[in-house]
Protein backbone atom coordinates (compact mmCIF):
# COMPACT_ATOMS: atom_id res chain seq x y z
CA MET A 1 0.00 0.00 0.00
CA ALA A 2 2.86 2.33 0.92
CA PHE A 3 4.53 1.65 -2.41
CA GLU A 4 1.27 2.38 -4.23
CA GLU A 5 0.88 5.68 -2.36
CA TYR A 6 4.49 6.54 -3.14
CA ASP A 7 3.97 5.75 -6.83
CA GLU A 8 0.90 7.96 -6.94
CA PHE A 9 2.80 10.74 -5.17
CA GLU A 10 5.75 10.40 -7.57
CA GLN A 11 3.44 10.43 -10.58
CA SER A 12 1.68 13.54 -9.24
CA GLU A 13 5.00 15.28 -8.73
CA ARG A 14 6.09 14.39 -12.24
CA VAL A 15 2.85 15.73 -13.69
CA GLN A 16 3.20 18.97 -11.76
CA GLN A 17 6.82 19.31 -12.83
CA TRP A 18 5.87 18.72 -16.45
CA LEU A 19 3.11 21.32 -16.22
CA ARG A 20 5.51 23.84 -14.69
CA GLN A 21 7.93 23.26 -17.57
CA ASN A 22 5.37 23.15 -20.36
CA GLY A 23 2.35 24.96 -18.97
CA LEU A 24 3.03 28.22 -20.78
CA SER A 25 3.40 26.53 -24.15
CA ILE A 26 0.12 24.68 -23.58
CA VAL A 27 -1.70 27.91 -22.78
CA VAL A 28 -0.17 29.62 -25.81
CA GLY A 29 -1.12 26.67 -28.01
CA ILE A 30 -4.70 26.70 -26.78
CA ALA A 31 -4.88 30.46 -27.29
CA ILE A 32 -3.55 30.18 -30.84
CA GLY A 33 -6.03 27.41 -31.55
CA LEU A 34 -8.92 29.47 -30.25
CA VAL A 35 -7.83 32.49 -32.26
CA GLY A 36 -7.57 30.31 -35.36
CA ILE A 37 -11.06 28.91 -34.86
CA PHE A 38 -12.49 32.35 -34.19
CA GLY A 39 -10.71 33.78 -37.21
CA TRP A 40 -12.00 30.99 -39.46
CA GLN A 41 -15.53 31.52 -38.23
CA GLN A 42 -15.25 35.27 -38.79
CA TRP A 43 -13.88 34.72 -42.30
CA ASN A 44 -16.74 32.37 -43.16
CA LYS A 45 -19.22 34.90 -41.78
CA HIS A 46 -17.58 37.64 -43.85
CA LYS A 47 -17.85 35.55 -47.01
CA ALA A 48 -21.50 34.71 -46.29
CA ASP A 49 -22.32 38.38 -45.66
CA HIS A 50 -20.44 39.37 -48.82
CA GLN A 51 -22.44 36.90 -50.90
CA SER A 52 -25.69 38.02 -49.30
CA GLU A 53 -24.95 41.67 -50.03
CA ALA A 54 -24.14 40.81 -53.65
CA ALA A 55 -27.37 38.83 -53.98
CA ASN A 56 -29.41 41.73 -52.61
CA LEU A 57 -27.71 44.17 -54.95
CA TYR A 58 -28.32 41.90 -57.94
CA GLN A 59 -31.99 41.70 -57.00
CA GLN A 60 -32.08 45.51 -57.07
CA VAL A 61 -30.54 45.40 -60.56
CA GLN A 62 -33.26 43.05 -61.74
CA ASP A 63 -36.00 45.13 -60.14
CA ALA A 64 -34.69 48.32 -61.75
CA ALA A 65 -34.44 46.66 -65.16
CA ALA A 66 -37.96 45.22 -64.85
CA ALA A 67 -39.25 48.70 -64.01
CA GLY A 68 -37.62 50.10 -67.14
CA LYS A 69 -35.05 52.07 -65.14
CA ALA A 70 -32.05 51.23 -67.30
CA ASP A 71 -29.83 53.97 -65.87
CA SER A 72 -30.44 52.80 -62.33
CA ALA A 73 -29.84 49.18 -63.34
CA ASP A 74 -26.56 50.15 -64.99
CA SER A 75 -25.44 52.14 -61.95
CA LEU A 76 -26.16 49.24 -59.62
CA THR A 77 -24.41 46.90 -62.02
CA GLU A 78 -21.29 49.05 -61.90
CA GLN A 79 -21.36 48.81 -58.12
CA LEU A 80 -21.57 45.03 -58.32
CA LEU A 81 -18.71 44.85 -60.79
CA LYS A 82 -16.56 47.09 -58.62
CA ASP A 83 -17.24 45.82 -55.10
CA TYR A 84 -18.36 42.21 -55.66
CA THR A 85 -16.12 41.13 -58.53
CA ASP A 86 -15.45 37.77 -56.85
CA THR A 87 -19.12 36.72 -56.84
CA SER A 88 -21.17 35.10 -59.58
CA TYR A 89 -23.75 37.86 -59.16
CA ALA A 90 -21.35 40.32 -60.77
CA ALA A 91 -21.05 38.08 -63.84
CA PHE A 92 -24.85 37.69 -63.94
CA ALA A 93 -25.29 41.46 -63.76
CA ALA A 94 -22.78 42.03 -66.58
CA ALA A 95 -24.59 39.47 -68.73
CA ASP A 96 -27.93 41.14 -68.02
CA ARG A 97 -26.45 44.49 -68.97
CA ALA A 98 -25.26 42.97 -72.23
CA GLN A 99 -28.83 41.92 -72.98
CA ARG A 100 -30.06 45.48 -72.41
CA GLN A 101 -27.27 46.76 -74.64
CA VAL A 102 -28.27 44.37 -77.42
CA GLN A 103 -31.84 45.63 -77.19
CA ALA A 104 -30.45 49.16 -77.56
CA LYS A 105 -28.39 48.02 -80.61
CA GLN A 106 -25.18 48.69 -78.69
CA PHE A 107 -23.53 45.50 -79.89
CA ASP A 108 -19.91 46.45 -79.20
CA LYS A 109 -20.75 47.41 -75.61
CA ALA A 110 -22.68 44.15 -75.21
CA ILE A 111 -19.66 42.15 -76.32
CA GLU A 112 -17.51 44.06 -73.80
CA SER A 113 -19.97 43.26 -71.01
CA LEU A 114 -20.01 39.58 -71.95
CA GLY A 115 -16.22 39.58 -72.12
CA TRP A 116 -16.09 40.93 -68.58
CA ALA A 117 -18.56 38.30 -67.40
CA GLU A 118 -16.61 35.54 -69.12
CA SER A 119 -13.27 36.56 -67.61
CA HIS A 120 -14.71 36.88 -64.10
CA ALA A 121 -16.99 33.85 -64.07
CA GLY A 122 -15.69 31.22 -61.71
CA ASP A 123 -17.84 28.45 -63.16
CA ALA A 124 -16.88 26.79 -66.47
CA ASN A 125 -20.51 26.47 -67.58
CA LEU A 126 -21.08 30.16 -66.95
CA LYS A 127 -17.99 31.03 -69.00
CA ALA A 128 -19.28 28.86 -71.83
CA LEU A 129 -22.67 30.57 -71.70
CA MET A 130 -21.00 33.97 -72.09
CA GLN A 131 -19.03 32.66 -75.08
CA LEU A 132 -22.23 31.34 -76.65
CA ARG A 133 -24.01 34.68 -76.22
CA THR A 134 -20.99 36.52 -77.62
CA ALA A 135 -21.08 34.32 -80.71
CA ARG A 136 -24.78 35.12 -81.21
CA ILE A 137 -24.15 38.85 -81.11
CA LEU A 138 -21.20 38.60 -83.47
CA LEU A 139 -23.31 36.63 -85.94
CA ALA A 140 -26.06 39.24 -85.70
CA GLU A 141 -23.42 41.85 -86.56
CA GLY A 142 -22.43 39.83 -89.61
CA LYS A 143 -19.06 38.92 -88.11
CA GLY A 144 -19.15 35.21 -88.90
CA ALA A 145 -15.45 34.52 -88.50
CA ASP A 146 -15.38 36.18 -85.07
CA ALA A 147 -18.50 34.28 -84.07
CA LEU A 148 -16.82 31.01 -85.03
CA THR A 149 -13.79 31.94 -82.94
CA ALA A 150 -16.04 32.56 -79.93
CA LEU A 151 -17.67 29.15 -80.41
CA ASP A 152 -14.27 27.49 -80.71
CA ARG A 153 -13.37 28.83 -77.25
CA MET A 154 -16.21 26.87 -75.69
CA PRO A 155 -15.26 23.60 -73.97
CA PRO A 156 -16.37 20.46 -75.85
CA LYS A 157 -19.96 19.40 -75.15
CA SER A 158 -20.83 22.72 -73.46
CA TYR A 159 -24.43 23.55 -74.38
CA ASP A 160 -23.72 21.11 -77.16
CA GLY A 161 -27.00 21.08 -79.06
CA VAL A 162 -27.55 24.83 -78.97
CA ALA A 163 -23.91 25.56 -79.72
CA GLN A 164 -23.87 23.19 -82.69
CA GLU A 165 -27.00 24.76 -84.16
CA LEU A 166 -25.45 28.20 -83.81
CA ARG A 167 -22.26 26.89 -85.38
CA GLY A 168 -24.34 25.70 -88.31
CA ASP A 169 -25.86 29.18 -88.67
CA VAL A 170 -22.39 30.74 -88.62
CA LEU A 171 -21.07 28.32 -91.22
CA VAL A 172 -24.02 29.05 -93.49
CA LYS A 173 -23.18 32.74 -93.16
CA LEU A 174 -19.59 31.95 -94.10
CA GLY A 175 -20.67 30.00 -97.17
CA ARG A 176 -19.61 26.58 -95.88
CA PRO A 177 -22.79 24.49 -96.34
CA ASP A 178 -21.23 21.04 -95.96
CA GLU A 179 -19.75 21.91 -92.57
CA ALA A 180 -23.01 23.64 -91.62
CA ARG A 181 -24.98 20.48 -92.39
CA LYS A 182 -22.69 18.43 -90.15
CA ALA A 183 -23.14 20.96 -87.35
CA TYR A 184 -26.94 20.85 -87.68
CA GLU A 185 -26.91 17.06 -87.66
CA ALA A 186 -24.70 17.13 -84.55
CA ALA A 187 -27.15 19.55 -82.93
CA LYS A 188 -30.08 17.27 -83.74
CA ALA A 189 -28.27 14.26 -82.32
CA ALA A 190 -27.27 16.10 -79.14
CA LEU A 191 -30.76 17.50 -78.51
CA GLY A 192 -32.52 14.24 -79.30
CA GLU A 193 -36.28 14.44 -78.80
CA ASN A 194 -35.90 18.03 -77.62
CA ALA A 195 -34.50 19.17 -80.96
CA PRO A 196 -36.69 21.96 -82.37
CA GLN A 197 -38.20 21.48 -85.79
CA SER A 198 -36.12 24.42 -86.99
CA VAL A 199 -32.96 22.27 -86.94
CA GLN A 200 -34.43 19.76 -89.38
CA MET A 201 -35.74 22.61 -91.52
CA LYS A 202 -32.24 24.05 -91.76
CA ILE A 203 -30.89 20.66 -92.80
CA ASP A 204 -33.62 20.38 -95.44
CA ASP A 205 -32.93 23.89 -96.71
CA LEU A 206 -29.27 23.03 -97.22
CA ALA A 207 -30.25 19.88 -99.09
CA VAL A 208 -32.54 21.87 -101.40
CA ALA A 209 -29.89 24.51 -101.95
CA GLY A 210 -27.38 21.78 -102.74
CA LYS A 211 -29.63 20.26 -105.38
CA GLN A 212 -30.29 23.64 -106.94
CA GLY A 213 -26.62 24.38 -107.06
CA ALA A 214 -25.76 21.04 -108.61
């Protein structure tokens, strides 16, 4: 029993000695850990608040645009692009502005807005969507070669059916009917049952034109 009590006493002394030697480092370590946890929580809260503010601002952009207040929508968009560049809402706002600019026949400005959205979009699908819209505008301007370049920047299989149909339209504009037909057929295959009748009509039109030109 005496030996057991002695062992317990010795162990207690060793523990106390160890604490005296290492106690400060333990306290410092705990403090650093707590600061790290608190800092991480604060950073996450900051990011959540930042995203929420961007979402609210984007909603104001949409409300202003829906009310026909283009100037107000553009001003709010500029604020999003300046202060919330790192959020998807900024890219959405730039894309919406491009749509308003197209309606106003400001095609060059629309392409600039889409270029900004493309370069700042963090999501690959969102980038591809901006490239697709850019190609549409360029085609509407009669810039077929530039439109084809925009389509070529899109990752393979991105918006495949729609992109292939647009590619066909561009190739028709460029006077390349054989390649256009292949693009339309690829669009029809990619869209499957959802393929609009217009795709088949374009294929048929090329066939008729080919016979007439033979």
